[in-house]
Amino acid sequence: MTFFLYLCTELIQKAMNLRDIKKDIDYILSAFIEDCSLVAAVNSKVSEEKASALMEEAIDLYNELRDKVGKVEGPARQYYNALRREVLERTDALYEKLSAAVKKEA
């Protein structure tokens, strides 16, 4: 009976990680896209083309990361932790590009 409980716990934890990582990807990249559109609307010096290109890059990243969520390679916990780090690092790089575009045009 304890093995069954252990197995159920592992499956539930895996499902929670899967659900949580999907929500994280949605939230973080949606916030970035919203920030891009806000910068384009408020700061007239930043070209809409540059903001649009960054939004397209964020959408491509979103699609790539959502594809990676379902393709677990190796231990699930390590894979999801690495994926979370990748989400943050790559989104941070997008924010750096947005910041550079604002500074360049200012």
PDB file of N, CA and C in Angstrom:
ATOM      1  N   MET A   1       0.816  -1.199   0.000  1.00  0.00           N
ATOM      2  CA  MET A   1       0.000   0.000   0.000  1.00  0.00           C
ATOM      3  C   MET A   1       0.860   1.265   0.000  1.00  0.00           C
ATOM      4  N   THR A   2       1.980   1.261   0.664  1.00  0.00           N
ATOM      5  CA  THR A   2       2.812   2.463   0.714  1.00  0.00           C
ATOM      6  C   THR A   2       3.427   2.779  -0.639  1.00  0.00           C
ATOM      7  N   PHE A   3       3.753   1.741  -1.426  1.00  0.00           N
ATOM      8  CA  PHE A   3       4.302   1.992  -2.751  1.00  0.00           C
ATOM      9  C   PHE A   3       3.275   2.716  -3.620  1.00  0.00           C
ATOM     10  N   PHE A   4       2.018   2.324  -3.504  1.00  0.00           N
ATOM     11  CA  PHE A   4       0.958   2.971  -4.262  1.00  0.00           C
ATOM     12  C   PHE A   4       0.838   4.443  -3.882  1.00  0.00           C
ATOM     13  N   LEU A   5       0.887   4.739  -2.596  1.00  0.00           N
ATOM     14  CA  LEU A   5       0.822   6.131  -2.143  1.00  0.00           C
ATOM     15  C   LEU A   5       2.015   6.925  -2.652  1.00  0.00           C
ATOM     16  N   TYR A   6       3.188   6.298  -2.628  1.00  0.00           N
ATOM     17  CA  TYR A   6       4.392   6.957  -3.138  1.00  0.00           C
ATOM     18  C   TYR A   6       4.230   7.262  -4.630  1.00  0.00           C
ATOM     19  N   LEU A   7       3.727   6.301  -5.370  1.00  0.00           N
ATOM     20  CA  LEU A   7       3.541   6.474  -6.804  1.00  0.00           C
ATOM     21  C   LEU A   7       2.526   7.582  -7.083  1.00  0.00           C
ATOM     22  N   CYS A   8       1.429   7.608  -6.339  1.00  0.00           N
ATOM     23  CA  CYS A   8       0.424   8.661  -6.513  1.00  0.00           C
ATOM     24  C   CYS A   8       1.000  10.027  -6.185  1.00  0.00           C
ATOM     25  N   THR A   9       1.806  10.096  -5.130  1.00  0.00           N
ATOM     26  CA  THR A   9       2.426  11.354  -4.742  1.00  0.00           C
ATOM     27  C   THR A   9       3.353  11.852  -5.835  1.00  0.00           C
ATOM     28  N   GLU A  10       4.133  10.959  -6.400  1.00  0.00           N
ATOM     29  CA  GLU A  10       5.037  11.338  -7.488  1.00  0.00           C
ATOM     30  C   GLU A  10       4.269  11.815  -8.711  1.00  0.00           C
ATOM     31  N   LEU A  11       3.184  11.148  -9.049  1.00  0.00           N
ATOM     32  CA  LEU A  11       2.391  11.557 -10.201  1.00  0.00           C
ATOM     33  C   LEU A  11       1.721  12.911  -9.965  1.00  0.00           C
ATOM     34  N   ILE A  12       1.212  13.116  -8.750  1.00  0.00           N
ATOM     35  CA  ILE A  12       0.585  14.394  -8.422  1.00  0.00           C
ATOM     36  C   ILE A  12       1.622  15.503  -8.467  1.00  0.00           C
ATOM     37  N   GLN A  13       2.799  15.248  -7.902  1.00  0.00           N
ATOM     38  CA  GLN A  13       3.850  16.268  -7.903  1.00  0.00           C
ATOM     39  C   GLN A  13       4.280  16.589  -9.330  1.00  0.00           C
ATOM     40  N   LYS A  14       4.378  15.579 -10.169  1.00  0.00           N
ATOM     41  CA  LYS A  14       4.749  15.813 -11.561  1.00  0.00           C
ATOM     42  C   LYS A  14       3.684  16.649 -12.257  1.00  0.00           C
ATOM     43  N   ALA A  15       2.405  16.337 -12.011  1.00  0.00           N
ATOM     44  CA  ALA A  15       1.326  17.100 -12.620  1.00  0.00           C
ATOM     45  C   ALA A  15       1.332  18.534 -12.119  1.00  0.00           C
ATOM     46  N   MET A  16       1.599  18.719 -10.826  1.00  0.00           N
ATOM     47  CA  MET A  16       1.657  20.069 -10.276  1.00  0.00           C
ATOM     48  C   MET A  16       2.811  20.841 -10.903  1.00  0.00           C
ATOM     49  N   ASN A  17       3.944  20.215 -11.045  1.00  0.00           N
ATOM     50  CA  ASN A  17       5.073  20.890 -11.667  1.00  0.00           C
ATOM     51  C   ASN A  17       4.751  21.258 -13.108  1.00  0.00           C
ATOM     52  N   LEU A  18       4.113  20.362 -13.801  1.00  0.00           N
ATOM     53  CA  LEU A  18       3.755  20.605 -15.196  1.00  0.00           C
ATOM     54  C   LEU A  18       2.772  21.768 -15.282  1.00  0.00           C
ATOM     55  N   ARG A  19       1.760  21.753 -14.437  1.00  0.00           N
ATOM     56  CA  ARG A  19       0.774  22.831 -14.435  1.00  0.00           C
ATOM     57  C   ARG A  19       1.417  24.152 -14.025  1.00  0.00           C
ATOM     58  N   ASP A  20       2.258  24.098 -12.993  1.00  0.00           N
ATOM     59  CA  ASP A  20       2.909  25.313 -12.503  1.00  0.00           C
ATOM     60  C   ASP A  20       3.858  25.909 -13.535  1.00  0.00           C
ATOM     61  N   ILE A  21       4.626  25.077 -14.206  1.00  0.00           N
ATOM     62  CA  ILE A  21       5.584  25.603 -15.178  1.00  0.00           C
ATOM     63  C   ILE A  21       4.837  26.214 -16.363  1.00  0.00           C
ATOM     64  N   LYS A  22       3.721  25.623 -16.763  1.00  0.00           N
ATOM     65  CA  LYS A  22       2.925  26.205 -17.845  1.00  0.00           C
ATOM     66  C   LYS A  22       2.382  27.569 -17.442  1.00  0.00           C
ATOM     67  N   LYS A  23       1.905  27.669 -16.205  1.00  0.00           N
ATOM     68  CA  LYS A  23       1.400  28.955 -15.712  1.00  0.00           C
ATOM     69  C   LYS A  23       2.514  29.987 -15.628  1.00  0.00           C
ATOM     70  N   ASP A  24       3.697  29.544 -15.183  1.00  0.00           N
ATOM     71  CA  ASP A  24       4.836  30.457 -15.102  1.00  0.00           C
ATOM     72  C   ASP A  24       5.195  31.010 -16.478  1.00  0.00           C
ATOM     73  N   ILE A  25       5.253  30.132 -17.462  1.00  0.00           N
ATOM     74  CA  ILE A  25       5.577  30.560 -18.820  1.00  0.00           C
ATOM     75  C   ILE A  25       4.529  31.553 -19.324  1.00  0.00           C
ATOM     76  N   ASP A  26       3.264  31.220 -19.130  1.00  0.00           N
ATOM     77  CA  ASP A  26       2.187  32.116 -19.564  1.00  0.00           C
ATOM     78  C   ASP A  26       2.292  33.478 -18.900  1.00  0.00           C
ATOM     79  N   TYR A  27       2.451  33.478 -17.595  1.00  0.00           N
ATOM     80  CA  TYR A  27       2.450  34.736 -16.846  1.00  0.00           C
ATOM     81  C   TYR A  27       3.654  35.610 -17.202  1.00  0.00           C
ATOM     82  N   ILE A  28       4.832  35.022 -17.196  1.00  0.00           N
ATOM     83  CA  ILE A  28       6.057  35.798 -17.403  1.00  0.00           C
ATOM     84  C   ILE A  28       6.114  36.382 -18.811  1.00  0.00           C
ATOM     85  N   LEU A  29       5.830  35.569 -19.795  1.00  0.00           N
ATOM     86  CA  LEU A  29       5.911  36.076 -21.171  1.00  0.00           C
ATOM     87  C   LEU A  29       4.740  36.989 -21.523  1.00  0.00           C
ATOM     88  N   SER A  30       3.582  36.767 -20.919  1.00  0.00           N
ATOM     89  CA  SER A  30       2.465  37.698 -21.119  1.00  0.00           C
ATOM     90  C   SER A  30       2.801  39.058 -20.530  1.00  0.00           C
ATOM     91  N   ALA A  31       3.444  39.064 -19.371  1.00  0.00           N
ATOM     92  CA  ALA A  31       3.848  40.329 -18.757  1.00  0.00           C
ATOM     93  C   ALA A  31       4.853  41.056 -19.637  1.00  0.00           C
ATOM     94  N   PHE A  32       5.774  40.320 -20.244  1.00  0.00           N
ATOM     95  CA  PHE A  32       6.747  40.954 -21.134  1.00  0.00           C
ATOM     96  C   PHE A  32       6.069  41.565 -22.349  1.00  0.00           C
ATOM     97  N   ILE A  33       5.148  40.839 -22.954  1.00  0.00           N
ATOM     98  CA  ILE A  33       4.449  41.349 -24.128  1.00  0.00           C
ATOM     99  C   ILE A  33       3.641  42.595 -23.763  1.00  0.00           C
ATOM    100  N   GLU A  34       3.018  42.568 -22.605  1.00  0.00           N
ATOM    101  CA  GLU A  34       2.281  43.742 -22.137  1.00  0.00           C
ATOM    102  C   GLU A  34       3.222  44.926 -21.933  1.00  0.00           C
ATOM    103  N   ASP A  35       4.399  44.670 -21.371  1.00  0.00           N
ATOM    104  CA  ASP A  35       5.379  45.741 -21.176  1.00  0.00           C
ATOM    105  C   ASP A  35       5.846  46.321 -22.508  1.00  0.00           C
ATOM    106  N   CYS A  36       6.036  45.468 -23.489  1.00  0.00           N
ATOM    107  CA  CYS A  36       6.437  45.942 -24.822  1.00  0.00           C
ATOM    108  C   CYS A  36       5.375  46.851 -25.420  1.00  0.00           C
ATOM    109  N   SER A  37       4.129  46.436 -25.328  1.00  0.00           N
ATOM    110  CA  SER A  37       3.062  47.257 -25.895  1.00  0.00           C
ATOM    111  C   SER A  37       2.902  48.559 -25.125  1.00  0.00           C
ATOM    112  N   LEU A  38       3.133  48.527 -23.816  1.00  0.00           N
ATOM    113  CA  LEU A  38       3.070  49.743 -23.014  1.00  0.00           C
ATOM    114  C   LEU A  38       4.186  50.708 -23.397  1.00  0.00           C
ATOM    115  N   VAL A  39       5.395  50.193 -23.583  1.00  0.00           N
ATOM    116  CA  VAL A  39       6.522  51.042 -23.986  1.00  0.00           C
ATOM    117  C   VAL A  39       6.256  51.654 -25.357  1.00  0.00           C
ATOM    118  N   ALA A  40       5.729  50.859 -26.264  1.00  0.00           N
ATOM    119  CA  ALA A  40       5.450  51.366 -27.609  1.00  0.00           C
ATOM    120  C   ALA A  40       4.369  52.448 -27.576  1.00  0.00           C
ATOM    121  N   ALA A  41       3.405  52.300 -26.682  1.00  0.00           N
ATOM    122  CA  ALA A  41       2.316  53.274 -26.609  1.00  0.00           C
ATOM    123  C   ALA A  41       2.735  54.556 -25.895  1.00  0.00           C
ATOM    124  N   VAL A  42       3.533  54.422 -24.844  1.00  0.00           N
ATOM    125  CA  VAL A  42       3.881  55.573 -24.008  1.00  0.00           C
ATOM    126  C   VAL A  42       5.104  56.316 -24.523  1.00  0.00           C
ATOM    127  N   ASN A  43       6.105  55.586 -24.964  1.00  0.00           N
ATOM    128  CA  ASN A  43       7.361  56.198 -25.386  1.00  0.00           C
ATOM    129  C   ASN A  43       7.362  56.315 -26.908  1.00  0.00           C
ATOM    130  N   SER A  44       7.125  57.505 -27.383  1.00  0.00           N
ATOM    131  CA  SER A  44       7.034  57.702 -28.830  1.00  0.00           C
ATOM    132  C   SER A  44       8.382  57.579 -29.535  1.00  0.00           C
ATOM    133  N   LYS A  45       9.464  57.623 -28.764  1.00  0.00           N
ATOM    134  CA  LYS A  45      10.794  57.517 -29.366  1.00  0.00           C
ATOM    135  C   LYS A  45      11.158  56.081 -29.725  1.00  0.00           C
ATOM    136  N   VAL A  46      10.512  55.105 -29.087  1.00  0.00           N
ATOM    137  CA  VAL A  46      10.766  53.693 -29.405  1.00  0.00           C
ATOM    138  C   VAL A  46       9.866  53.322 -30.571  1.00  0.00           C
ATOM    139  N   SER A  47      10.463  52.837 -31.628  1.00  0.00           N
ATOM    140  CA  SER A  47       9.685  52.516 -32.818  1.00  0.00           C
ATOM    141  C   SER A  47       8.777  51.318 -32.560  1.00  0.00           C
ATOM    142  N   GLU A  48       7.624  51.357 -33.196  1.00  0.00           N
ATOM    143  CA  GLU A  48       6.683  50.252 -33.057  1.00  0.00           C
ATOM    144  C   GLU A  48       7.250  48.980 -33.678  1.00  0.00           C
ATOM    145  N   GLU A  49       8.092  49.131 -34.690  1.00  0.00           N
ATOM    146  CA  GLU A  49       8.697  47.971 -35.327  1.00  0.00           C
ATOM    147  C   GLU A  49       9.609  47.220 -34.350  1.00  0.00           C
ATOM    148  N   LYS A  50      10.371  47.980 -33.564  1.00  0.00           N
ATOM    149  CA  LYS A  50      11.275  47.366 -32.593  1.00  0.00           C
ATOM    150  C   LYS A  50      10.477  46.656 -31.504  1.00  0.00           C
ATOM    151  N   ALA A  51       9.430  47.304 -31.002  1.00  0.00           N
ATOM    152  CA  ALA A  51       8.581  46.683 -29.981  1.00  0.00           C
ATOM    153  C   ALA A  51       7.873  45.461 -30.546  1.00  0.00           C
ATOM    154  N   SER A  52       7.430  45.562 -31.777  1.00  0.00           N
ATOM    155  CA  SER A  52       6.751  44.439 -32.425  1.00  0.00           C
ATOM    156  C   SER A  52       7.703  43.260 -32.616  1.00  0.00           C
ATOM    157  N   ALA A  53       8.943  43.554 -32.995  1.00  0.00           N
ATOM    158  CA  ALA A  53       9.933  42.489 -33.173  1.00  0.00           C
ATOM    159  C   ALA A  53      10.213  41.782 -31.850  1.00  0.00           C
ATOM    160  N   LEU A  54      10.287  42.551 -30.759  1.00  0.00           N
ATOM    161  CA  LEU A  54      10.503  41.941 -29.446  1.00  0.00           C
ATOM    162  C   LEU A  54       9.305  41.100 -29.026  1.00  0.00           C
ATOM    163  N   MET A  55       8.098  41.560 -29.343  1.00  0.00           N
ATOM    164  CA  MET A  55       6.901  40.768 -29.024  1.00  0.00           C
ATOM    165  C   MET A  55       6.887  39.464 -29.820  1.00  0.00           C
ATOM    166  N   GLU A  56       7.279  39.530 -31.081  1.00  0.00           N
ATOM    167  CA  GLU A  56       7.342  38.310 -31.891  1.00  0.00           C
ATOM    168  C   GLU A  56       8.379  37.337 -31.335  1.00  0.00           C
ATOM    169  N   GLU A  57       9.500  37.879 -30.883  1.00  0.00           N
ATOM    170  CA  GLU A  57      10.535  37.037 -30.282  1.00  0.00           C
ATOM    171  C   GLU A  57      10.004  36.382 -29.006  1.00  0.00           C
ATOM    172  N   ALA A  58       9.228  37.119 -28.228  1.00  0.00           N
ATOM    173  CA  ALA A  58       8.641  36.563 -27.002  1.00  0.00           C
ATOM    174  C   ALA A  58       7.625  35.471 -27.329  1.00  0.00           C
ATOM    175  N   ILE A  59       6.852  35.665 -28.377  1.00  0.00           N
ATOM    176  CA  ILE A  59       5.878  34.647 -28.783  1.00  0.00           C
ATOM    177  C   ILE A  59       6.587  33.391 -29.257  1.00  0.00           C
ATOM    178  N   ASP A  60       7.670  33.553 -30.011  1.00  0.00           N
ATOM    179  CA  ASP A  60       8.455  32.391 -30.441  1.00  0.00           C
ATOM    180  C   ASP A  60       9.040  31.656 -29.236  1.00  0.00           C
ATOM    181  N   LEU A  61       9.532  32.421 -28.260  1.00  0.00           N
ATOM    182  CA  LEU A  61      10.063  31.817 -27.036  1.00  0.00           C
ATOM    183  C   LEU A  61       8.963  31.082 -26.292  1.00  0.00           C
ATOM    184  N   TYR A  62       7.788  31.674 -26.216  1.00  0.00           N
ATOM    185  CA  TYR A  62       6.644  31.034 -25.565  1.00  0.00           C
ATOM    186  C   TYR A  62       6.350  29.682 -26.210  1.00  0.00           C
ATOM    187  N   ASN A  63       6.264  29.665 -27.530  1.00  0.00           N
ATOM    188  CA  ASN A  63       5.970  28.415 -28.242  1.00  0.00           C
ATOM    189  C   ASN A  63       7.059  27.379 -28.014  1.00  0.00           C
ATOM    190  N   GLU A  64       8.302  27.814 -28.057  1.00  0.00           N
ATOM    191  CA  GLU A  64       9.421  26.896 -27.851  1.00  0.00           C
ATOM    192  C   GLU A  64       9.391  26.293 -26.448  1.00  0.00           C
ATOM    193  N   LEU A  65       9.149  27.134 -25.447  1.00  0.00           N
ATOM    194  CA  LEU A  65       9.141  26.642 -24.069  1.00  0.00           C
ATOM    195  C   LEU A  65       7.943  25.751 -23.794  1.00  0.00           C
ATOM    196  N   ARG A  66       6.796  26.088 -24.358  1.00  0.00           N
ATOM    197  CA  ARG A  66       5.620  25.230 -24.155  1.00  0.00           C
ATOM    198  C   ARG A  66       5.828  23.868 -24.813  1.00  0.00           C
ATOM    199  N   ASP A  67       6.547  23.830 -25.918  1.00  0.00           N
ATOM    200  CA  ASP A  67       6.873  22.546 -26.540  1.00  0.00           C
ATOM    201  C   ASP A  67       7.805  21.735 -25.646  1.00  0.00           C
ATOM    202  N   LYS A  68       8.736  22.423 -24.990  1.00  0.00           N
ATOM    203  CA  LYS A  68       9.687  21.732 -24.116  1.00  0.00           C
ATOM    204  C   LYS A  68       9.031  21.167 -22.864  1.00  0.00           C
ATOM    205  N   VAL A  69       7.928  21.744 -22.438  1.00  0.00           N
ATOM    206  CA  VAL A  69       7.267  21.302 -21.205  1.00  0.00           C
ATOM    207  C   VAL A  69       6.849  19.846 -21.316  1.00  0.00           C
ATOM    208  N   GLY A  70       6.334  19.454 -22.449  1.00  0.00           N
ATOM    209  CA  GLY A  70       5.842  18.091 -22.617  1.00  0.00           C
ATOM    210  C   GLY A  70       6.904  17.065 -22.938  1.00  0.00           C
ATOM    211  N   LYS A  71       8.115  17.501 -23.210  1.00  0.00           N
ATOM    212  CA  LYS A  71       9.177  16.564 -23.615  1.00  0.00           C
ATOM    213  C   LYS A  71      10.232  16.462 -22.519  1.00  0.00           C
ATOM    214  N   VAL A  72       9.899  15.735 -21.462  1.00  0.00           N
ATOM    215  CA  VAL A  72      10.803  15.602 -20.320  1.00  0.00           C
ATOM    216  C   VAL A  72      11.975  14.706 -20.697  1.00  0.00           C
ATOM    217  N   GLU A  73      13.180  15.213 -20.456  1.00  0.00           N
ATOM    218  CA  GLU A  73      14.403  14.457 -20.725  1.00  0.00           C
ATOM    219  C   GLU A  73      15.129  14.268 -19.398  1.00  0.00           C
ATOM    220  N   GLY A  74      15.186  13.043 -18.928  1.00  0.00           N
ATOM    221  CA  GLY A  74      15.852  12.775 -17.662  1.00  0.00           C
ATOM    222  C   GLY A  74      14.873  12.877 -16.500  1.00  0.00           C
ATOM    223  N   PRO A  75      15.409  13.017 -15.290  1.00  0.00           N
ATOM    224  CA  PRO A  75      14.546  13.140 -14.110  1.00  0.00           C
ATOM    225  C   PRO A  75      13.655  14.386 -14.203  1.00  0.00           C
ATOM    226  N   ALA A  76      12.376  14.204 -13.934  1.00  0.00           N
ATOM    227  CA  ALA A  76      11.398  15.279 -14.128  1.00  0.00           C
ATOM    228  C   ALA A  76      11.704  16.504 -13.277  1.00  0.00           C
ATOM    229  N   ARG A  77      12.035  16.317 -12.027  1.00  0.00           N
ATOM    230  CA  ARG A  77      12.265  17.454 -11.140  1.00  0.00           C
ATOM    231  C   ARG A  77      13.429  18.314 -11.643  1.00  0.00           C
ATOM    232  N   GLN A  78      14.514  17.687 -12.019  1.00  0.00           N
ATOM    233  CA  GLN A  78      15.674  18.430 -12.524  1.00  0.00           C
ATOM    234  C   GLN A  78      15.341  19.109 -13.847  1.00  0.00           C
ATOM    235  N   TYR A  79      14.587  18.420 -14.680  1.00  0.00           N
ATOM    236  CA  TYR A  79      14.220  18.980 -15.979  1.00  0.00           C
ATOM    237  C   TYR A  79      13.366  20.237 -15.804  1.00  0.00           C
ATOM    238  N   TYR A  80      12.363  20.165 -14.936  1.00  0.00           N
ATOM    239  CA  TYR A  80      11.490  21.319 -14.722  1.00  0.00           C
ATOM    240  C   TYR A  80      12.218  22.467 -14.039  1.00  0.00           C
ATOM    241  N   ASN A  81      13.110  22.160 -13.121  1.00  0.00           N
ATOM    242  CA  ASN A  81      13.900  23.231 -12.494  1.00  0.00           C
ATOM    243  C   ASN A  81      14.783  23.933 -13.522  1.00  0.00           C
ATOM    244  N   ALA A  82      15.393  23.151 -14.395  1.00  0.00           N
ATOM    245  CA  ALA A  82      16.218  23.744 -15.455  1.00  0.00           C
ATOM    246  C   ALA A  82      15.359  24.554 -16.420  1.00  0.00           C
ATOM    247  N   LEU A  83      14.164  24.079 -16.700  1.00  0.00           N
ATOM    248  CA  LEU A  83      13.263  24.795 -17.591  1.00  0.00           C
ATOM    249  C   LEU A  83      12.816  26.115 -16.968  1.00  0.00           C
ATOM    250  N   ARG A  84      12.544  26.107 -15.667  1.00  0.00           N
ATOM    251  CA  ARG A  84      12.186  27.351 -14.977  1.00  0.00           C
ATOM    252  C   ARG A  84      13.329  28.363 -15.059  1.00  0.00           C
ATOM    253  N   ARG A  85      14.545  27.879 -14.848  1.00  0.00           N
ATOM    254  CA  ARG A  85      15.704  28.779 -14.956  1.00  0.00           C
ATOM    255  C   ARG A  85      15.811  29.336 -16.373  1.00  0.00           C
ATOM    256  N   GLU A  86      15.595  28.488 -17.355  1.00  0.00           N
ATOM    257  CA  GLU A  86      15.672  28.928 -18.749  1.00  0.00           C
ATOM    258  C   GLU A  86      14.625  29.992 -19.046  1.00  0.00           C
ATOM    259  N   VAL A  87      13.414  29.811 -18.520  1.00  0.00           N
ATOM    260  CA  VAL A  87      12.361  30.804 -18.719  1.00  0.00           C
ATOM    261  C   VAL A  87      12.816  32.158 -18.186  1.00  0.00           C
ATOM    262  N   LEU A  88      13.335  32.160 -16.969  1.00  0.00           N
ATOM    263  CA  LEU A  88      13.757  33.410 -16.344  1.00  0.00           C
ATOM    264  C   LEU A  88      14.948  34.038 -17.058  1.00  0.00           C
ATOM    265  N   GLU A  89      15.934  33.230 -17.411  1.00  0.00           N
ATOM    266  CA  GLU A  89      17.129  33.761 -18.064  1.00  0.00           C
ATOM    267  C   GLU A  89      16.806  34.340 -19.438  1.00  0.00           C
ATOM    268  N   ARG A  90      16.023  33.622 -20.215  1.00  0.00           N
ATOM    269  CA  ARG A  90      15.728  34.091 -21.568  1.00  0.00           C
ATOM    270  C   ARG A  90      14.772  35.279 -21.564  1.00  0.00           C
ATOM    271  N   THR A  91      13.856  35.313 -20.601  1.00  0.00           N
ATOM    272  CA  THR A  91      12.976  36.472 -20.485  1.00  0.00           C
ATOM    273  C   THR A  91      13.762  37.683 -20.011  1.00  0.00           C
ATOM    274  N   ASP A  92      14.698  37.453 -19.120  1.00  0.00           N
ATOM    275  CA  ASP A  92      15.561  38.548 -18.666  1.00  0.00           C
ATOM    276  C   ASP A  92      16.345  39.119 -19.845  1.00  0.00           C
ATOM    277  N   ALA A  93      16.799  38.265 -20.738  1.00  0.00           N
ATOM    278  CA  ALA A  93      17.514  38.731 -21.926  1.00  0.00           C
ATOM    279  C   ALA A  93      16.592  39.576 -22.807  1.00  0.00           C
ATOM    280  N   LEU A  94      15.318  39.199 -22.896  1.00  0.00           N
ATOM    281  CA  LEU A  94      14.369  40.005 -23.664  1.00  0.00           C
ATOM    282  C   LEU A  94      14.168  41.371 -23.008  1.00  0.00           C
ATOM    283  N   TYR A  95      14.082  41.389 -21.681  1.00  0.00           N
ATOM    284  CA  TYR A  95      13.944  42.665 -20.978  1.00  0.00           C
ATOM    285  C   TYR A  95      15.179  43.541 -21.177  1.00  0.00           C
ATOM    286  N   GLU A  96      16.345  42.922 -21.247  1.00  0.00           N
ATOM    287  CA  GLU A  96      17.567  43.688 -21.515  1.00  0.00           C
ATOM    288  C   GLU A  96      17.491  44.342 -22.899  1.00  0.00           C
ATOM    289  N   LYS A  97      16.986  43.605 -23.883  1.00  0.00           N
ATOM    290  CA  LYS A  97      16.840  44.163 -25.233  1.00  0.00           C
ATOM    291  C   LYS A  97      15.843  45.316 -25.234  1.00  0.00           C
ATOM    292  N   LEU A  98      14.742  45.155 -24.496  1.00  0.00           N
ATOM    293  CA  LEU A  98      13.749  46.224 -24.414  1.00  0.00           C
ATOM    294  C   LEU A  98      14.340  47.450 -23.734  1.00  0.00           C
ATOM    295  N   SER A  99      15.068  47.221 -22.680  1.00  0.00           N
ATOM    296  CA  SER A  99      15.718  48.316 -21.968  1.00  0.00           C
ATOM    297  C   SER A  99      16.728  49.022 -22.866  1.00  0.00           C
ATOM    298  N   ALA A 100      17.483  48.254 -23.625  1.00  0.00           N
ATOM    299  CA  ALA A 100      18.459  48.854 -24.538  1.00  0.00           C
ATOM    300  C   ALA A 100      17.769  49.677 -25.618  1.00  0.00           C
ATOM    301  N   ALA A 101      16.624  49.210 -26.103  1.00  0.00           N
ATOM    302  CA  ALA A 101      15.894  49.968 -27.109  1.00  0.00           C
ATOM    303  C   ALA A 101      15.379  51.282 -26.544  1.00  0.00           C
ATOM    304  N   VAL A 102      14.943  51.270 -25.314  1.00  0.00           N
ATOM    305  CA  VAL A 102      14.461  52.503 -24.677  1.00  0.00           C
ATOM    306  C   VAL A 102      15.615  53.455 -24.458  1.00  0.00           C
ATOM    307  N   LYS A 103      16.744  52.943 -23.960  1.00  0.00           N
ATOM    308  CA  LYS A 103      17.910  53.799 -23.703  1.00  0.00           C
ATOM    309  C   LYS A 103      18.486  54.366 -24.993  1.00  0.00           C
ATOM    310  N   LYS A 104      18.488  53.543 -26.044  1.00  0.00           N
ATOM    311  CA  LYS A 104      19.061  53.968 -27.326  1.00  0.00           C
ATOM    312  C   LYS A 104      18.246  55.109 -27.928  1.00  0.00           C
ATOM    313  N   GLU A 105      16.951  55.000 -27.809  1.00  0.00           N
ATOM    314  CA  GLU A 105      16.082  56.009 -28.391  1.00  0.00           C
ATOM    315  C   GLU A 105      15.932  57.234 -27.517  1.00  0.00           C
ATOM    316  N   ALA A 106      16.299  57.130 -26.246  1.00  0.00           N
ATOM    317  CA  ALA A 106      16.098  58.270 -25.333  1.00  0.00           C
ATOM    318  C   ALA A 106      17.138  59.343 -25.482  1.00  0.00           C
TER     319      ALA A 106
END
